[in-house]
Amino acid sequence: MEIPQGVTIRVDGNRLIAKGSQGEVQKALPPQAKVSVNGSAVEVTTADKALKGTLESMVQNMMHGVAKGYLRNFKLIYAHFPITVDIKGSDITIKNFLGEKEPRRTVLVGSTKVQAKGQSVTISGPDKEAVGQTIANMRIAMRIKDKDGRVFQDGMYDVEAEG
């Protein structure tokens, strides 16, 4: 695989490190696989074909993430009680969800950034897995229990995805 311009990749023991304009991503490599960087190319070697495909996808995601980043836009939808999202450090607080007095809490993963303005929420970062896990954490925090899902549809919904 070709390394895009502006991206550097190196192997440090059993860790693969990619750096670019959007940041740095590090991933642990399994012991049965070998990743080598030859000039402007990355080569994955292993006896297991499935593992090779997985690692190649992981390397491509890392290169794309540090070069362009991953960005997801969401909209907070509510029927009666306006939802607010506050971010302090790595803590995310979801207030007034379904009119509840106690706020719901979750955490950011890795170097992911969350911006909330009114009803729009933007989640971005260089690591695809960390961005996806942060989104999953927020959706789990907004899970509606003990109510009819056809009636109570408040939550966070996709608007568009980039990257």
C-alpha atoms as a PDB file:
ATOM      1  CA  MET A   1       0.000   0.000   0.000  1.00  0.00           C
ATOM      2  CA  GLU A   2       1.252   3.457  -0.874  1.00  0.00           C
ATOM      3  CA  ILE A   3       1.723   5.965   1.931  1.00  0.00           C
ATOM      4  CA  PRO A   4       0.032   9.286   1.035  1.00  0.00           C
ATOM      5  CA  GLN A   5       2.071  12.463   0.992  1.00  0.00           C
ATOM      6  CA  GLY A   6       2.222  14.194   4.372  1.00  0.00           C
ATOM      7  CA  VAL A   7       1.785  10.927   6.302  1.00  0.00           C
ATOM      8  CA  THR A   8       4.574   9.117   8.139  1.00  0.00           C
ATOM      9  CA  ILE A   9       4.266   5.541   9.355  1.00  0.00           C
ATOM     10  CA  ARG A  10       6.691   3.677  11.578  1.00  0.00           C
ATOM     11  CA  VAL A  11       6.775   0.409  13.467  1.00  0.00           C
ATOM     12  CA  ASP A  12       7.918   0.548  17.091  1.00  0.00           C
ATOM     13  CA  GLY A  13       8.089  -2.973  18.512  1.00  0.00           C
ATOM     14  CA  ASN A  14       4.543  -4.324  18.277  1.00  0.00           C
ATOM     15  CA  ARG A  15       2.953  -0.883  17.704  1.00  0.00           C
ATOM     16  CA  LEU A  16       2.175   0.810  14.408  1.00  0.00           C
ATOM     17  CA  ILE A  17       2.297   4.628  14.587  1.00  0.00           C
ATOM     18  CA  ALA A  18       0.902   6.937  11.899  1.00  0.00           C
ATOM     19  CA  LYS A  19       1.330  10.734  11.959  1.00  0.00           C
ATOM     20  CA  GLY A  20      -0.216  13.353   9.708  1.00  0.00           C
ATOM     21  CA  SER A  21      -1.809  16.781   9.623  1.00  0.00           C
ATOM     22  CA  GLN A  22      -4.861  15.629  11.638  1.00  0.00           C
ATOM     23  CA  GLY A  23      -2.871  14.018  14.464  1.00  0.00           C
ATOM     24  CA  GLU A  24      -1.362  10.697  15.466  1.00  0.00           C
ATOM     25  CA  VAL A  25      -2.866   7.200  15.686  1.00  0.00           C
ATOM     26  CA  GLN A  26      -1.250   4.198  17.382  1.00  0.00           C
ATOM     27  CA  LYS A  27      -2.390   0.601  17.126  1.00  0.00           C
ATOM     28  CA  ALA A  28      -1.077  -2.620  18.622  1.00  0.00           C
ATOM     29  CA  LEU A  29      -0.073  -5.339  16.167  1.00  0.00           C
ATOM     30  CA  PRO A  30      -0.782  -9.027  16.797  1.00  0.00           C
ATOM     31  CA  PRO A  31       2.340 -11.176  17.300  1.00  0.00           C
ATOM     32  CA  GLN A  32       1.610 -13.438  14.299  1.00  0.00           C
ATOM     33  CA  ALA A  33       1.755 -10.528  11.822  1.00  0.00           C
ATOM     34  CA  LYS A  34       4.626  -8.430  10.529  1.00  0.00           C
ATOM     35  CA  VAL A  35       4.255  -4.911   9.160  1.00  0.00           C
ATOM     36  CA  SER A  36       7.191  -3.310   7.382  1.00  0.00           C
ATOM     37  CA  VAL A  37       7.661   0.178   5.949  1.00  0.00           C
ATOM     38  CA  ASN A  38       9.769   0.280   2.768  1.00  0.00           C
ATOM     39  CA  GLY A  39      10.239   3.829   1.545  1.00  0.00           C
ATOM     40  CA  SER A  40       6.759   5.087   0.631  1.00  0.00           C
ATOM     41  CA  ALA A  41       4.994   1.723   0.943  1.00  0.00           C
ATOM     42  CA  VAL A  42       3.636  -0.402   3.780  1.00  0.00           C
ATOM     43  CA  GLU A  43       3.631  -4.188   3.537  1.00  0.00           C
ATOM     44  CA  VAL A  44       1.690  -6.589   5.761  1.00  0.00           C
ATOM     45  CA  THR A  45       2.856 -10.221   5.935  1.00  0.00           C
ATOM     46  CA  THR A  46       1.150 -13.043   7.795  1.00  0.00           C
ATOM     47  CA  ALA A  47       0.094 -16.627   7.124  1.00  0.00           C
ATOM     48  CA  ASP A  48      -3.560 -15.894   7.919  1.00  0.00           C
ATOM     49  CA  LYS A  49      -5.340 -14.280   4.932  1.00  0.00           C
ATOM     50  CA  ALA A  50      -8.205 -12.927   7.041  1.00  0.00           C
ATOM     51  CA  LEU A  51      -5.786 -11.284   9.458  1.00  0.00           C
ATOM     52  CA  LYS A  52      -3.839  -9.803   6.550  1.00  0.00           C
ATOM     53  CA  GLY A  53      -6.991  -8.193   5.123  1.00  0.00           C
ATOM     54  CA  THR A  54      -7.972  -6.869   8.542  1.00  0.00           C
ATOM     55  CA  LEU A  55      -4.543  -5.338   9.126  1.00  0.00           C
ATOM     56  CA  GLU A  56      -4.438  -3.809   5.635  1.00  0.00           C
ATOM     57  CA  SER A  57      -7.824  -2.157   6.283  1.00  0.00           C
ATOM     58  CA  MET A  58      -6.581  -0.948   9.659  1.00  0.00           C
ATOM     59  CA  VAL A  59      -3.478   0.615   8.059  1.00  0.00           C
ATOM     60  CA  GLN A  60      -5.591   2.285   5.340  1.00  0.00           C
ATOM     61  CA  ASN A  61      -7.978   3.674   7.994  1.00  0.00           C
ATOM     62  CA  MET A  62      -5.010   4.994   9.973  1.00  0.00           C
ATOM     63  CA  MET A  63      -3.509   6.688   6.895  1.00  0.00           C
ATOM     64  CA  HIS A  64      -6.860   8.230   5.916  1.00  0.00           C
ATOM     65  CA  GLY A  65      -7.521   9.375   9.492  1.00  0.00           C
ATOM     66  CA  VAL A  66      -4.208  11.160  10.023  1.00  0.00           C
ATOM     67  CA  ALA A  67      -4.371  12.741   6.546  1.00  0.00           C
ATOM     68  CA  LYS A  68      -8.042  13.813   6.346  1.00  0.00           C
ATOM     69  CA  GLY A  69      -9.694  12.781   9.606  1.00  0.00           C
ATOM     70  CA  TYR A  70     -13.138  11.355  10.265  1.00  0.00           C
ATOM     71  CA  LEU A  71     -16.148  13.604  10.822  1.00  0.00           C
ATOM     72  CA  ARG A  72     -19.734  12.682  11.731  1.00  0.00           C
ATOM     73  CA  ASN A  73     -22.622  15.126  12.091  1.00  0.00           C
ATOM     74  CA  PHE A  74     -25.689  14.379  14.215  1.00  0.00           C
ATOM     75  CA  LYS A  75     -28.878  16.130  15.176  1.00  0.00           C
ATOM     76  CA  LEU A  76     -30.482  15.913  18.602  1.00  0.00           C
ATOM     77  CA  ILE A  77     -34.177  15.153  18.115  1.00  0.00           C
ATOM     78  CA  TYR A  78     -36.664  15.603  20.938  1.00  0.00           C
ATOM     79  CA  ALA A  79     -40.438  15.929  21.282  1.00  0.00           C
ATOM     80  CA  HIS A  80     -40.957  17.975  24.464  1.00  0.00           C
ATOM     81  CA  PHE A  81     -37.771  18.370  26.503  1.00  0.00           C
ATOM     82  CA  PRO A  82     -34.792  20.089  24.823  1.00  0.00           C
ATOM     83  CA  ILE A  83     -31.650  17.973  25.133  1.00  0.00           C
ATOM     84  CA  THR A  84     -28.350  19.696  25.892  1.00  0.00           C
ATOM     85  CA  VAL A  85     -24.883  18.172  25.599  1.00  0.00           C
ATOM     86  CA  ASP A  86     -21.952  19.511  27.659  1.00  0.00           C
ATOM     87  CA  ILE A  87     -18.332  18.484  27.135  1.00  0.00           C
ATOM     88  CA  LYS A  88     -15.705  19.008  29.837  1.00  0.00           C
ATOM     89  CA  GLY A  89     -12.373  17.319  29.207  1.00  0.00           C
ATOM     90  CA  SER A  90     -13.177  13.723  28.322  1.00  0.00           C
ATOM     91  CA  ASP A  91     -16.589  13.698  30.060  1.00  0.00           C
ATOM     92  CA  ILE A  92     -19.832  14.103  28.116  1.00  0.00           C
ATOM     93  CA  THR A  93     -22.973  15.098  30.046  1.00  0.00           C
ATOM     94  CA  ILE A  94     -26.406  14.756  28.425  1.00  0.00           C
ATOM     95  CA  LYS A  95     -28.915  16.918  30.270  1.00  0.00           C
ATOM     96  CA  ASN A  96     -32.738  16.968  30.245  1.00  0.00           C
ATOM     97  CA  PHE A  97     -33.034  13.768  28.171  1.00  0.00           C
ATOM     98  CA  LEU A  98     -36.752  12.831  28.257  1.00  0.00           C
ATOM     99  CA  GLY A  99     -37.160  15.451  31.001  1.00  0.00           C
ATOM    100  CA  GLU A 100     -35.036  13.460  33.459  1.00  0.00           C
ATOM    101  CA  LYS A 101     -33.627  15.461  36.372  1.00  0.00           C
ATOM    102  CA  GLU A 102     -30.457  13.356  36.623  1.00  0.00           C
ATOM    103  CA  PRO A 103     -28.069  13.926  33.676  1.00  0.00           C
ATOM    104  CA  ARG A 104     -26.719  10.974  31.739  1.00  0.00           C
ATOM    105  CA  ARG A 105     -22.937  10.685  31.444  1.00  0.00           C
ATOM    106  CA  THR A 106     -20.433   9.047  29.133  1.00  0.00           C
ATOM    107  CA  VAL A 107     -16.795   9.527  28.028  1.00  0.00           C
ATOM    108  CA  LEU A 108     -14.784  10.463  24.953  1.00  0.00           C
ATOM    109  CA  VAL A 109     -12.439   7.843  23.546  1.00  0.00           C
ATOM    110  CA  GLY A 110      -8.886   8.719  22.496  1.00  0.00           C
ATOM    111  CA  SER A 111      -8.279  12.057  20.795  1.00  0.00           C
ATOM    112  CA  THR A 112     -11.864  12.418  19.579  1.00  0.00           C
ATOM    113  CA  LYS A 113     -13.426  15.884  19.661  1.00  0.00           C
ATOM    114  CA  VAL A 114     -17.127  16.562  20.252  1.00  0.00           C
ATOM    115  CA  GLN A 115     -18.735  19.919  19.503  1.00  0.00           C
ATOM    116  CA  ALA A 116     -22.341  20.591  20.454  1.00  0.00           C
ATOM    117  CA  LYS A 117     -24.207  23.720  19.361  1.00  0.00           C
ATOM    118  CA  GLY A 118     -27.954  23.741  19.841  1.00  0.00           C
ATOM    119  CA  GLN A 119     -29.366  20.640  18.191  1.00  0.00           C
ATOM    120  CA  SER A 120     -26.265  19.801  16.130  1.00  0.00           C
ATOM    121  CA  VAL A 121     -23.465  17.580  17.417  1.00  0.00           C
ATOM    122  CA  THR A 122     -20.203  17.075  15.511  1.00  0.00           C
ATOM    123  CA  ILE A 123     -17.851  14.219  16.392  1.00  0.00           C
ATOM    124  CA  SER A 124     -14.421  14.162  14.738  1.00  0.00           C
ATOM    125  CA  GLY A 125     -10.939  12.715  15.121  1.00  0.00           C
ATOM    126  CA  PRO A 126      -8.088  10.922  13.364  1.00  0.00           C
ATOM    127  CA  ASP A 127      -8.876   7.431  14.732  1.00  0.00           C
ATOM    128  CA  LYS A 128     -11.889   5.766  13.090  1.00  0.00           C
ATOM    129  CA  GLU A 129     -12.354   3.293  15.945  1.00  0.00           C
ATOM    130  CA  ALA A 130     -12.241   6.003  18.631  1.00  0.00           C
ATOM    131  CA  VAL A 131     -14.758   8.180  16.747  1.00  0.00           C
ATOM    132  CA  GLY A 132     -17.090   5.191  16.322  1.00  0.00           C
ATOM    133  CA  GLN A 133     -16.754   4.165  19.987  1.00  0.00           C
ATOM    134  CA  THR A 134     -17.506   7.707  21.164  1.00  0.00           C
ATOM    135  CA  ILE A 135     -20.660   7.703  19.009  1.00  0.00           C
ATOM    136  CA  ALA A 136     -21.641   4.307  20.441  1.00  0.00           C
ATOM    137  CA  ASN A 137     -21.050   5.558  24.001  1.00  0.00           C
ATOM    138  CA  MET A 138     -23.352   8.531  23.390  1.00  0.00           C
ATOM    139  CA  ARG A 139     -26.062   6.332  21.845  1.00  0.00           C
ATOM    140  CA  ILE A 140     -25.855   3.888  24.755  1.00  0.00           C
ATOM    141  CA  ALA A 141     -26.166   6.800  27.202  1.00  0.00           C
ATOM    142  CA  MET A 142     -29.307   7.939  25.341  1.00  0.00           C
ATOM    143  CA  ARG A 143     -30.900   4.510  25.270  1.00  0.00           C
ATOM    144  CA  ILE A 144     -34.600   4.638  26.145  1.00  0.00           C
ATOM    145  CA  LYS A 145     -35.653   1.915  28.569  1.00  0.00           C
ATOM    146  CA  ASP A 146     -39.090   0.986  29.874  1.00  0.00           C
ATOM    147  CA  LYS A 147     -40.929   3.127  27.326  1.00  0.00           C
ATOM    148  CA  ASP A 148     -42.525   2.390  23.975  1.00  0.00           C
ATOM    149  CA  GLY A 149     -39.892   3.043  21.269  1.00  0.00           C
ATOM    150  CA  ARG A 150     -42.580   3.883  18.725  1.00  0.00           C
ATOM    151  CA  VAL A 151     -43.740   6.819  20.837  1.00  0.00           C
ATOM    152  CA  PHE A 152     -40.511   7.991  22.498  1.00  0.00           C
ATOM    153  CA  GLN A 153     -38.072   8.555  19.647  1.00  0.00           C
ATOM    154  CA  ASP A 154     -35.851  11.199  21.266  1.00  0.00           C
ATOM    155  CA  GLY A 155     -32.156  10.759  20.627  1.00  0.00           C
ATOM    156  CA  MET A 156     -29.181  11.470  18.390  1.00  0.00           C
ATOM    157  CA  TYR A 157     -29.639  10.820  14.664  1.00  0.00           C
ATOM    158  CA  ASP A 158     -27.214  10.866  11.700  1.00  0.00           C
ATOM    159  CA  VAL A 159     -27.270  13.902   9.445  1.00  0.00           C
ATOM    160  CA  GLU A 160     -24.240  13.134   7.285  1.00  0.00           C
ATOM    161  CA  ALA A 161     -20.863  11.426   7.455  1.00  0.00           C
ATOM    162  CA  GLU A 162     -17.580  12.573   5.959  1.00  0.00           C
ATOM    163  CA  GLY A 163     -14.418  10.564   5.684  1.00  0.00           C
END
